[in-house]
Amino acid sequence: RIFAVAATAASTKIATAGEDKTVRLWTAAGEPAGLLRHPGRVFSVAFAGASRSDLLATGCEDGLMRIFTPEGRECGRADGHRGQVNSVCWNPRPARGWDVASAGADGQVRLWRLPGRDQPGAINLQPVMTLAGAAGKIWQITACRQEPLLVGATDAGEVILWDTHEPSPLEVLAGHAEAVWAVAVGPAEHRLISGGWD
């Protein structure tokens, strides 16, 4: 089974994450372009923008988020979740203080900074903040471009909005009768869409 799919901004490379404990890289023509092995199932993949050289973040069953170069070399690792990492996403505006976020089965979202260019040997990502307040697992997160907001879909049927400068939720939206699996922000960011088990 494939759990997640992502593409670079220019659609020149595609990544698929699956139950077979791998992330497979593909060209736009569908030709194999790499194989990234993990110690557990991989539930999430996300490419950074071209400004970050199309780095790839992966979320794994072993509780780690990993960062890979486009060539498939692991160049970063974030360890902090208790349980699997269900979702990863990049900050569209890293000047806000964090580069990449991870969300897990422990109900937490963690914000991270990539190692600085003055630390060529560093591989561990630098923790910035932990966002709490979810009453259960977090299945997906997405970041807003216009505002410093991060949105999470939870197992408790809630959609949570965080201001990424504060650890507590800005707002908790209830309405689903079952778990919320996915969230998305509209093109103008005037609308929030959620999809759930109900």
N, C-alpha and C. Protein backbone atom coordinates (compact mmCIF):
# COMPACT_ATOMS: atom_id res chain seq x y z
N ARG A 1 0.83 -1.20 0.00
CA ARG A 1 0.00 0.00 0.00
C ARG A 1 0.87 1.25 0.00
N ILE A 2 0.40 2.27 -0.70
CA ILE A 2 1.06 3.57 -0.71
C ILE A 2 0.29 4.49 0.23
N PHE A 3 0.99 5.11 1.17
CA PHE A 3 0.36 5.97 2.16
C PHE A 3 0.41 7.45 1.78
N ALA A 4 1.40 7.86 0.98
CA ALA A 4 1.54 9.28 0.68
C ALA A 4 2.29 9.47 -0.63
N VAL A 5 1.99 10.59 -1.30
CA VAL A 5 2.64 10.95 -2.55
C VAL A 5 2.96 12.44 -2.50
N ALA A 6 4.12 12.83 -3.01
CA ALA A 6 4.50 14.24 -3.09
C ALA A 6 5.29 14.48 -4.36
N ALA A 7 5.27 15.72 -4.83
CA ALA A 7 6.02 16.10 -6.02
C ALA A 7 6.76 17.40 -5.75
N THR A 8 7.87 17.60 -6.44
CA THR A 8 8.59 18.86 -6.34
C THR A 8 7.75 19.97 -6.98
N ALA A 9 8.08 21.22 -6.66
CA ALA A 9 7.30 22.34 -7.16
C ALA A 9 7.28 22.37 -8.69
N ALA A 10 8.37 21.97 -9.31
CA ALA A 10 8.45 21.95 -10.78
C ALA A 10 7.95 20.64 -11.37
N SER A 11 7.49 19.72 -10.50
CA SER A 11 6.98 18.41 -10.94
C SER A 11 8.01 17.59 -11.69
N THR A 12 9.29 17.78 -11.37
CA THR A 12 10.34 17.01 -12.03
C THR A 12 10.64 15.70 -11.31
N LYS A 13 10.22 15.60 -10.05
CA LYS A 13 10.46 14.38 -9.28
C LYS A 13 9.26 14.11 -8.38
N ILE A 14 8.95 12.84 -8.21
CA ILE A 14 7.81 12.40 -7.39
C ILE A 14 8.34 11.42 -6.35
N ALA A 15 7.75 11.48 -5.15
CA ALA A 15 8.09 10.54 -4.08
C ALA A 15 6.83 9.83 -3.62
N THR A 16 6.94 8.52 -3.43
CA THR A 16 5.83 7.74 -2.88
C THR A 16 6.31 7.02 -1.62
N ALA A 17 5.45 7.00 -0.61
CA ALA A 17 5.80 6.38 0.68
C ALA A 17 4.85 5.22 0.93
N GLY A 18 5.41 4.12 1.44
CA GLY A 18 4.54 2.96 1.55
C GLY A 18 4.75 2.04 2.72
N GLU A 19 3.92 1.01 2.69
CA GLU A 19 3.91 0.00 3.75
C GLU A 19 5.16 -0.87 3.70
N ASP A 20 5.87 -0.85 2.58
CA ASP A 20 7.04 -1.70 2.43
C ASP A 20 8.31 -1.09 3.03
N LYS A 21 8.15 -0.02 3.84
CA LYS A 21 9.25 0.63 4.56
C LYS A 21 10.21 1.35 3.62
N THR A 22 9.69 1.83 2.50
CA THR A 22 10.55 2.56 1.56
C THR A 22 9.86 3.84 1.11
N VAL A 23 10.69 4.76 0.64
CA VAL A 23 10.24 5.90 -0.16
C VAL A 23 10.86 5.70 -1.53
N ARG A 24 10.04 5.70 -2.55
CA ARG A 24 10.52 5.51 -3.91
C ARG A 24 10.44 6.84 -4.66
N LEU A 25 11.53 7.17 -5.34
CA LEU A 25 11.61 8.39 -6.13
C LEU A 25 11.39 8.06 -7.60
N TRP A 26 10.70 8.96 -8.30
CA TRP A 26 10.35 8.74 -9.70
C TRP A 26 10.57 10.01 -10.49
N THR A 27 10.88 9.87 -11.76
CA THR A 27 10.93 11.02 -12.65
C THR A 27 9.50 11.37 -13.06
N ALA A 28 9.35 12.53 -13.70
CA ALA A 28 8.03 12.93 -14.17
C ALA A 28 7.48 11.97 -15.21
N ALA A 29 8.37 11.23 -15.86
CA ALA A 29 7.94 10.25 -16.87
C ALA A 29 7.60 8.90 -16.26
N GLY A 30 7.75 8.79 -14.92
CA GLY A 30 7.42 7.54 -14.26
C GLY A 30 8.55 6.55 -14.16
N GLU A 31 9.77 6.99 -14.45
CA GLU A 31 10.93 6.09 -14.36
C GLU A 31 11.49 6.11 -12.93
N PRO A 32 11.93 4.96 -12.40
CA PRO A 32 12.52 4.93 -11.06
C PRO A 32 13.74 5.84 -10.97
N ALA A 33 13.84 6.60 -9.85
CA ALA A 33 14.95 7.55 -9.69
C ALA A 33 15.64 7.41 -8.34
N GLY A 34 15.24 6.42 -7.54
CA GLY A 34 15.89 6.24 -6.25
C GLY A 34 15.02 5.45 -5.29
N LEU A 35 15.67 4.87 -4.28
CA LEU A 35 14.98 4.08 -3.27
C LEU A 35 15.57 4.44 -1.91
N LEU A 36 14.72 4.93 -1.00
CA LEU A 36 15.15 5.33 0.33
C LEU A 36 14.55 4.36 1.34
N ARG A 37 15.38 3.52 1.92
CA ARG A 37 14.91 2.51 2.86
C ARG A 37 14.77 3.10 4.26
N HIS A 38 13.72 2.68 4.97
CA HIS A 38 13.45 3.11 6.34
C HIS A 38 13.26 1.87 7.22
N PRO A 39 13.41 2.02 8.54
CA PRO A 39 13.23 0.87 9.45
C PRO A 39 11.78 0.53 9.75
N GLY A 40 10.86 1.33 9.27
CA GLY A 40 9.44 1.07 9.49
C GLY A 40 8.63 1.64 8.35
N ARG A 41 7.30 1.49 8.44
CA ARG A 41 6.42 2.04 7.41
C ARG A 41 6.58 3.56 7.35
N VAL A 42 6.43 4.11 6.17
CA VAL A 42 6.57 5.56 5.97
C VAL A 42 5.18 6.12 5.65
N PHE A 43 4.73 7.06 6.49
CA PHE A 43 3.36 7.56 6.38
C PHE A 43 3.24 8.92 5.69
N SER A 44 4.35 9.63 5.54
CA SER A 44 4.25 10.98 5.00
C SER A 44 5.53 11.35 4.26
N VAL A 45 5.38 12.10 3.17
CA VAL A 45 6.51 12.67 2.43
C VAL A 45 6.14 14.08 2.01
N ALA A 46 7.13 14.97 1.99
CA ALA A 46 6.89 16.34 1.55
C ALA A 46 8.18 16.93 1.01
N PHE A 47 8.10 17.52 -0.18
CA PHE A 47 9.24 18.21 -0.77
C PHE A 47 9.22 19.67 -0.33
N ALA A 48 10.40 20.20 -0.01
CA ALA A 48 10.54 21.63 0.22
C ALA A 48 10.57 22.33 -1.14
N GLY A 49 10.45 23.64 -1.12
CA GLY A 49 10.50 24.39 -2.36
C GLY A 49 11.90 24.45 -2.93
N ALA A 50 11.99 25.03 -4.11
CA ALA A 50 13.28 25.13 -4.79
C ALA A 50 14.29 25.95 -3.99
N SER A 51 13.78 26.88 -3.15
CA SER A 51 14.69 27.69 -2.35
C SER A 51 15.47 26.86 -1.34
N ARG A 52 14.95 25.66 -1.04
CA ARG A 52 15.66 24.74 -0.15
C ARG A 52 16.18 23.54 -0.92
N SER A 53 16.41 23.72 -2.21
CA SER A 53 17.01 22.69 -3.07
C SER A 53 16.19 21.42 -3.14
N ASP A 54 14.86 21.54 -3.03
CA ASP A 54 13.96 20.38 -3.14
C ASP A 54 14.31 19.27 -2.15
N LEU A 55 14.64 19.65 -0.92
CA LEU A 55 14.85 18.65 0.13
C LEU A 55 13.56 17.87 0.35
N LEU A 56 13.69 16.62 0.77
CA LEU A 56 12.54 15.75 1.00
C LEU A 56 12.48 15.37 2.48
N ALA A 57 11.32 15.58 3.10
CA ALA A 57 11.09 15.16 4.49
C ALA A 57 10.21 13.91 4.48
N THR A 58 10.53 12.96 5.37
CA THR A 58 9.73 11.74 5.49
C THR A 58 9.34 11.51 6.94
N GLY A 59 8.16 10.97 7.16
CA GLY A 59 7.69 10.64 8.51
C GLY A 59 7.52 9.14 8.63
N CYS A 60 8.17 8.55 9.63
CA CYS A 60 8.27 7.09 9.71
C CYS A 60 7.62 6.52 10.98
N GLU A 61 7.33 5.24 10.89
CA GLU A 61 6.75 4.50 12.01
C GLU A 61 7.67 4.45 13.22
N ASP A 62 8.97 4.64 13.02
CA ASP A 62 9.92 4.56 14.13
C ASP A 62 10.00 5.85 14.95
N GLY A 63 9.14 6.84 14.63
CA GLY A 63 9.11 8.07 15.39
C GLY A 63 10.08 9.14 14.94
N LEU A 64 10.76 8.91 13.82
CA LEU A 64 11.73 9.88 13.32
C LEU A 64 11.23 10.55 12.05
N MET A 65 11.55 11.83 11.93
CA MET A 65 11.43 12.52 10.66
C MET A 65 12.83 12.61 10.08
N ARG A 66 12.96 12.28 8.80
CA ARG A 66 14.25 12.32 8.13
C ARG A 66 14.21 13.31 6.97
N ILE A 67 15.34 13.93 6.71
CA ILE A 67 15.48 14.86 5.61
C ILE A 67 16.50 14.29 4.63
N PHE A 68 16.15 14.29 3.34
CA PHE A 68 17.01 13.75 2.29
C PHE A 68 17.26 14.81 1.22
N THR A 69 18.45 14.75 0.63
CA THR A 69 18.75 15.57 -0.53
C THR A 69 18.03 14.98 -1.74
N PRO A 70 17.91 15.73 -2.85
CA PRO A 70 17.27 15.18 -4.05
C PRO A 70 17.98 13.94 -4.58
N GLU A 71 19.27 13.77 -4.23
CA GLU A 71 20.02 12.60 -4.68
C GLU A 71 19.80 11.39 -3.77
N GLY A 72 19.06 11.58 -2.66
CA GLY A 72 18.75 10.46 -1.78
C GLY A 72 19.68 10.30 -0.59
N ARG A 73 20.49 11.30 -0.29
CA ARG A 73 21.38 11.24 0.88
C ARG A 73 20.68 11.84 2.09
N GLU A 74 20.68 11.09 3.19
CA GLU A 74 20.08 11.62 4.42
C GLU A 74 20.96 12.74 4.97
N CYS A 75 20.36 13.91 5.18
CA CYS A 75 21.12 15.06 5.65
C CYS A 75 20.55 15.68 6.90
N GLY A 76 19.47 15.11 7.44
CA GLY A 76 18.88 15.64 8.66
C GLY A 76 17.97 14.61 9.31
N ARG A 77 17.84 14.73 10.63
CA ARG A 77 17.02 13.78 11.38
C ARG A 77 16.44 14.48 12.60
N ALA A 78 15.15 14.22 12.88
CA ALA A 78 14.49 14.82 14.03
C ALA A 78 13.87 13.72 14.88
N ASP A 79 14.28 13.65 16.13
CA ASP A 79 13.83 12.62 17.06
C ASP A 79 13.18 13.30 18.25
N GLY A 80 11.91 12.99 18.52
CA GLY A 80 11.24 13.63 19.64
C GLY A 80 9.85 13.09 19.90
N HIS A 81 9.26 12.46 18.89
CA HIS A 81 7.90 11.96 19.05
C HIS A 81 7.88 10.62 19.79
N ARG A 82 6.81 10.42 20.54
CA ARG A 82 6.55 9.12 21.16
C ARG A 82 5.54 8.40 20.27
N GLY A 83 6.04 7.53 19.42
CA GLY A 83 5.18 6.86 18.46
C GLY A 83 5.45 7.37 17.06
N GLN A 84 4.69 6.87 16.11
CA GLN A 84 4.95 7.12 14.71
C GLN A 84 4.73 8.58 14.32
N VAL A 85 5.42 9.00 13.27
CA VAL A 85 5.23 10.32 12.68
C VAL A 85 4.25 10.16 11.52
N ASN A 86 3.09 10.79 11.66
CA ASN A 86 2.03 10.63 10.67
C ASN A 86 2.07 11.66 9.56
N SER A 87 2.65 12.84 9.82
CA SER A 87 2.60 13.90 8.83
C SER A 87 3.80 14.82 8.98
N VAL A 88 4.29 15.32 7.86
CA VAL A 88 5.36 16.31 7.85
C VAL A 88 4.98 17.41 6.86
N CYS A 89 5.41 18.63 7.13
CA CYS A 89 5.17 19.72 6.19
C CYS A 89 6.25 20.78 6.34
N TRP A 90 6.50 21.51 5.26
CA TRP A 90 7.51 22.56 5.24
C TRP A 90 6.86 23.92 5.46
N ASN A 91 7.61 24.80 6.08
CA ASN A 91 7.15 26.17 6.28
C ASN A 91 7.32 26.94 4.97
N PRO A 92 6.25 27.47 4.40
CA PRO A 92 6.40 28.23 3.16
C PRO A 92 7.15 29.54 3.35
N ARG A 93 7.29 29.96 4.61
CA ARG A 93 8.05 31.18 4.91
C ARG A 93 8.98 30.93 6.09
N PRO A 94 10.13 30.33 5.86
CA PRO A 94 11.04 29.94 6.94
C PRO A 94 11.58 31.10 7.76
N ALA A 95 11.45 32.32 7.26
CA ALA A 95 11.89 33.47 8.04
C ALA A 95 11.07 33.61 9.32
N ARG A 96 9.96 32.88 9.42
CA ARG A 96 9.14 32.93 10.62
C ARG A 96 9.74 32.16 11.79
N GLY A 97 10.86 31.47 11.56
CA GLY A 97 11.54 30.86 12.69
C GLY A 97 11.63 29.36 12.71
N TRP A 98 10.97 28.67 11.78
CA TRP A 98 11.10 27.21 11.71
C TRP A 98 11.07 26.79 10.24
N ASP A 99 11.65 25.64 9.97
CA ASP A 99 11.75 25.16 8.59
C ASP A 99 10.75 24.06 8.26
N VAL A 100 10.60 23.10 9.16
CA VAL A 100 9.80 21.92 8.87
C VAL A 100 9.10 21.46 10.14
N ALA A 101 7.90 20.89 9.99
CA ALA A 101 7.11 20.44 11.13
C ALA A 101 6.79 18.97 10.99
N SER A 102 6.65 18.31 12.14
CA SER A 102 6.26 16.90 12.18
C SER A 102 5.10 16.74 13.16
N ALA A 103 4.19 15.83 12.84
CA ALA A 103 3.05 15.55 13.72
C ALA A 103 2.93 14.05 13.91
N GLY A 104 2.54 13.65 15.12
CA GLY A 104 2.58 12.23 15.39
C GLY A 104 1.41 11.65 16.14
N ALA A 105 1.55 10.36 16.41
CA ALA A 105 0.54 9.63 17.15
C ALA A 105 0.49 10.06 18.61
N ASP A 106 1.50 10.81 19.05
CA ASP A 106 1.51 11.31 20.43
C ASP A 106 0.69 12.58 20.60
N GLY A 107 0.03 13.05 19.54
CA GLY A 107 -0.81 14.23 19.64
C GLY A 107 -0.05 15.54 19.69
N GLN A 108 1.20 15.53 19.28
CA GLN A 108 2.01 16.74 19.30
C GLN A 108 2.50 17.10 17.90
N VAL A 109 2.68 18.41 17.70
CA VAL A 109 3.33 18.92 16.50
C VAL A 109 4.65 19.53 16.95
N ARG A 110 5.71 19.18 16.28
CA ARG A 110 7.03 19.72 16.62
C ARG A 110 7.57 20.52 15.46
N LEU A 111 8.07 21.71 15.78
CA LEU A 111 8.67 22.59 14.79
C LEU A 111 10.18 22.48 14.89
N TRP A 112 10.85 22.46 13.72
CA TRP A 112 12.30 22.21 13.67
C TRP A 112 12.99 23.21 12.75
N ARG A 113 14.26 23.43 13.05
CA ARG A 113 15.14 24.20 12.19
C ARG A 113 16.17 23.25 11.58
N LEU A 114 16.48 23.44 10.31
CA LEU A 114 17.54 22.66 9.68
C LEU A 114 18.89 23.10 10.23
N PRO A 115 19.87 22.20 10.25
CA PRO A 115 21.22 22.61 10.68
C PRO A 115 21.72 23.77 9.83
N GLY A 116 22.41 24.72 10.46
CA GLY A 116 22.91 25.87 9.73
C GLY A 116 24.02 25.52 8.78
N ARG A 117 24.23 26.38 7.80
CA ARG A 117 25.29 26.13 6.81
C ARG A 117 26.67 26.20 7.45
N ASP A 118 26.75 26.83 8.64
CA ASP A 118 28.02 26.89 9.34
C ASP A 118 28.27 25.65 10.18
N GLN A 119 27.35 24.65 10.06
CA GLN A 119 27.49 23.38 10.77
C GLN A 119 27.46 22.24 9.75
N PRO A 120 28.47 22.11 8.92
CA PRO A 120 28.43 21.15 7.81
C PRO A 120 28.31 19.70 8.27
N GLY A 121 28.74 19.39 9.49
CA GLY A 121 28.66 18.01 9.95
C GLY A 121 27.40 17.69 10.71
N ALA A 122 26.55 18.71 10.96
CA ALA A 122 25.35 18.50 11.77
C ALA A 122 24.30 17.72 11.00
N ILE A 123 23.65 16.82 11.69
CA ILE A 123 22.55 16.09 11.06
C ILE A 123 21.27 16.19 11.89
N ASN A 124 21.37 16.39 13.21
CA ASN A 124 20.18 16.51 14.04
C ASN A 124 19.54 17.88 13.86
N LEU A 125 18.23 17.88 13.57
CA LEU A 125 17.53 19.14 13.43
C LEU A 125 17.39 19.80 14.80
N GLN A 126 17.30 21.12 14.81
CA GLN A 126 17.22 21.87 16.05
C GLN A 126 15.75 22.09 16.42
N PRO A 127 15.31 21.62 17.61
CA PRO A 127 13.92 21.83 18.01
C PRO A 127 13.64 23.31 18.27
N VAL A 128 12.49 23.77 17.82
CA VAL A 128 12.09 25.17 18.00
C VAL A 128 10.95 25.28 19.00
N MET A 129 9.91 24.48 18.81
CA MET A 129 8.75 24.54 19.70
C MET A 129 7.91 23.28 19.53
N THR A 130 7.19 22.90 20.59
CA THR A 130 6.22 21.81 20.54
C THR A 130 4.83 22.39 20.69
N LEU A 131 3.95 22.08 19.73
CA LEU A 131 2.57 22.54 19.77
C LEU A 131 1.70 21.43 20.33
N ALA A 132 0.99 21.72 21.39
CA ALA A 132 0.17 20.71 22.08
C ALA A 132 -1.30 21.08 21.99
N GLY A 133 -2.14 20.28 22.63
CA GLY A 133 -3.56 20.58 22.70
C GLY A 133 -4.46 19.62 21.97
N ALA A 134 -3.88 18.69 21.22
CA ALA A 134 -4.70 17.71 20.49
C ALA A 134 -5.12 16.59 21.43
N ALA A 135 -6.39 16.22 21.35
CA ALA A 135 -6.92 15.15 22.21
C ALA A 135 -6.87 13.83 21.45
N GLY A 136 -5.69 13.41 21.06
CA GLY A 136 -5.53 12.17 20.31
C GLY A 136 -4.49 12.32 19.23
N LYS A 137 -4.41 11.33 18.38
CA LYS A 137 -3.42 11.33 17.31
C LYS A 137 -3.68 12.46 16.32
N ILE A 138 -2.60 12.95 15.72
CA ILE A 138 -2.72 13.93 14.65
C ILE A 138 -2.38 13.22 13.34
N TRP A 139 -3.31 13.29 12.40
CA TRP A 139 -3.14 12.53 11.16
C TRP A 139 -2.51 13.35 10.05
N GLN A 140 -2.79 14.65 10.03
CA GLN A 140 -2.20 15.48 8.97
C GLN A 140 -2.04 16.90 9.46
N ILE A 141 -1.00 17.57 8.96
CA ILE A 141 -0.80 18.99 9.22
C ILE A 141 -0.52 19.70 7.91
N THR A 142 -0.88 20.98 7.87
CA THR A 142 -0.56 21.81 6.72
C THR A 142 -0.30 23.23 7.21
N ALA A 143 0.60 23.93 6.55
CA ALA A 143 0.97 25.28 6.96
C ALA A 143 0.38 26.30 5.99
N CYS A 144 0.04 27.47 6.53
CA CYS A 144 -0.48 28.57 5.72
C CYS A 144 0.66 29.45 5.24
N ARG A 145 0.48 30.03 4.08
CA ARG A 145 1.51 30.90 3.52
C ARG A 145 1.35 32.34 3.98
N GLN A 146 0.11 32.81 4.03
CA GLN A 146 -0.12 34.23 4.32
C GLN A 146 0.00 34.56 5.81
N GLU A 147 -0.33 33.61 6.68
CA GLU A 147 -0.31 33.84 8.12
C GLU A 147 0.54 32.77 8.79
N PRO A 148 1.10 33.06 9.98
CA PRO A 148 1.91 32.05 10.69
C PRO A 148 1.03 31.02 11.38
N LEU A 149 0.24 30.33 10.60
CA LEU A 149 -0.71 29.35 11.13
C LEU A 149 -0.39 27.95 10.63
N LEU A 150 -0.66 26.98 11.49
CA LEU A 150 -0.52 25.58 11.13
C LEU A 150 -1.82 24.88 11.53
N VAL A 151 -2.33 24.03 10.64
CA VAL A 151 -3.62 23.38 10.84
C VAL A 151 -3.41 21.88 10.96
N GLY A 152 -4.10 21.26 11.93
CA GLY A 152 -3.96 19.83 12.14
C GLY A 152 -5.29 19.09 12.14
N ALA A 153 -5.28 17.89 11.58
CA ALA A 153 -6.45 16.99 11.59
C ALA A 153 -6.22 15.93 12.64
N THR A 154 -7.20 15.73 13.52
CA THR A 154 -6.98 14.85 14.68
C THR A 154 -7.92 13.65 14.72
N ASP A 155 -7.48 12.66 15.47
CA ASP A 155 -8.23 11.44 15.68
C ASP A 155 -9.51 11.68 16.48
N ALA A 156 -9.55 12.80 17.20
CA ALA A 156 -10.70 13.12 18.05
C ALA A 156 -11.81 13.83 17.29
N GLY A 157 -11.67 13.97 15.98
CA GLY A 157 -12.69 14.63 15.19
C GLY A 157 -12.60 16.13 15.19
N GLU A 158 -11.47 16.66 15.61
CA GLU A 158 -11.28 18.11 15.69
C GLU A 158 -10.25 18.58 14.66
N VAL A 159 -10.41 19.81 14.23
CA VAL A 159 -9.40 20.50 13.43
C VAL A 159 -8.82 21.60 14.31
N ILE A 160 -7.51 21.59 14.45
CA ILE A 160 -6.87 22.53 15.37
C ILE A 160 -6.04 23.54 14.59
N LEU A 161 -6.16 24.79 14.98
CA LEU A 161 -5.35 25.87 14.41
C LEU A 161 -4.36 26.33 15.47
N TRP A 162 -3.09 26.37 15.08
CA TRP A 162 -2.04 26.90 15.97
C TRP A 162 -1.43 28.14 15.35
N ASP A 163 -1.18 29.15 16.17
CA ASP A 163 -0.26 30.21 15.81
C ASP A 163 1.12 29.65 16.14
N THR A 164 2.00 29.60 15.15
CA THR A 164 3.28 28.90 15.36
C THR A 164 4.24 29.66 16.27
N HIS A 165 3.77 30.78 16.84
CA HIS A 165 4.57 31.46 17.86
C HIS A 165 4.14 31.06 19.26
N GLU A 166 3.04 30.27 19.37
CA GLU A 166 2.50 29.89 20.67
C GLU A 166 2.29 28.38 20.74
N PRO A 167 2.57 27.76 21.89
CA PRO A 167 2.42 26.30 21.98
C PRO A 167 0.99 25.81 22.12
N SER A 168 0.07 26.67 22.56
CA SER A 168 -1.33 26.26 22.75
C SER A 168 -2.16 26.59 21.52
N PRO A 169 -3.24 25.86 21.28
CA PRO A 169 -4.05 26.11 20.10
C PRO A 169 -4.64 27.52 20.06
N LEU A 170 -4.70 28.08 18.88
CA LEU A 170 -5.38 29.34 18.67
C LEU A 170 -6.89 29.10 18.64
N GLU A 171 -7.28 27.98 18.03
CA GLU A 171 -8.70 27.63 17.95
C GLU A 171 -8.84 26.14 17.69
N VAL A 172 -9.91 25.56 18.25
CA VAL A 172 -10.23 24.16 18.02
C VAL A 172 -11.61 24.11 17.36
N LEU A 173 -11.67 23.52 16.18
CA LEU A 173 -12.92 23.45 15.42
C LEU A 173 -13.51 22.06 15.53
N ALA A 174 -14.73 21.99 16.04
CA ALA A 174 -15.43 20.71 16.18
C ALA A 174 -16.56 20.65 15.16
N GLY A 175 -16.91 19.47 14.75
CA GLY A 175 -17.98 19.32 13.77
C GLY A 175 -18.04 17.92 13.19
N HIS A 176 -16.88 17.26 13.13
CA HIS A 176 -16.85 15.88 12.64
C HIS A 176 -17.27 14.92 13.75
N ALA A 177 -17.97 13.86 13.36
CA ALA A 177 -18.39 12.85 14.33
C ALA A 177 -17.36 11.75 14.51
N GLU A 178 -16.39 11.70 13.60
CA GLU A 178 -15.34 10.69 13.66
C GLU A 178 -14.00 11.38 13.39
N ALA A 179 -12.95 10.57 13.30
CA ALA A 179 -11.61 11.10 13.08
C ALA A 179 -11.52 11.94 11.81
N VAL A 180 -10.71 12.99 11.87
CA VAL A 180 -10.45 13.82 10.70
C VAL A 180 -9.13 13.36 10.10
N TRP A 181 -9.16 12.96 8.84
CA TRP A 181 -7.98 12.39 8.20
C TRP A 181 -7.16 13.42 7.43
N ALA A 182 -7.82 14.45 6.92
CA ALA A 182 -7.11 15.37 6.03
C ALA A 182 -7.61 16.80 6.20
N VAL A 183 -6.70 17.74 6.00
CA VAL A 183 -7.05 19.17 6.00
C VAL A 183 -6.32 19.85 4.85
N ALA A 184 -6.93 20.88 4.31
CA ALA A 184 -6.32 21.66 3.23
C ALA A 184 -6.78 23.10 3.35
N VAL A 185 -5.92 24.00 2.91
CA VAL A 185 -6.24 25.42 2.91
C VAL A 185 -6.51 25.85 1.48
N GLY A 186 -7.56 26.62 1.27
CA GLY A 186 -7.92 27.07 -0.07
C GLY A 186 -6.85 27.96 -0.69
N PRO A 187 -6.90 28.15 -2.02
CA PRO A 187 -5.86 28.92 -2.72
C PRO A 187 -5.66 30.32 -2.17
N ALA A 188 -6.74 31.01 -1.79
CA ALA A 188 -6.63 32.36 -1.25
C ALA A 188 -6.52 32.35 0.27
N GLU A 189 -6.53 31.16 0.86
CA GLU A 189 -6.47 30.97 2.31
C GLU A 189 -7.63 31.63 3.04
N HIS A 190 -8.78 31.71 2.36
CA HIS A 190 -10.00 32.22 2.98
C HIS A 190 -10.89 31.06 3.44
N ARG A 191 -10.49 29.86 3.08
CA ARG A 191 -11.34 28.70 3.35
C ARG A 191 -10.48 27.53 3.81
N LEU A 192 -11.01 26.77 4.76
CA LEU A 192 -10.35 25.58 5.28
C LEU A 192 -11.23 24.37 5.00
N ILE A 193 -10.64 23.33 4.43
CA ILE A 193 -11.39 22.12 4.06
C ILE A 193 -10.88 20.96 4.88
N SER A 194 -11.80 20.17 5.42
CA SER A 194 -11.41 19.00 6.20
C SER A 194 -12.20 17.79 5.75
N GLY A 195 -11.58 16.63 5.82
CA GLY A 195 -12.24 15.39 5.44
C GLY A 195 -12.03 14.33 6.51
N GLY A 196 -13.09 13.60 6.86
CA GLY A 196 -12.99 12.65 7.96
C GLY A 196 -13.65 11.31 7.71
N TRP A 197 -13.56 10.45 8.70
CA TRP A 197 -14.11 9.10 8.65
C TRP A 197 -15.63 9.13 8.55
N ASP A 198 -16.24 10.23 9.00
CA ASP A 198 -17.70 10.33 8.94
C ASP A 198 -18.19 10.75 7.56
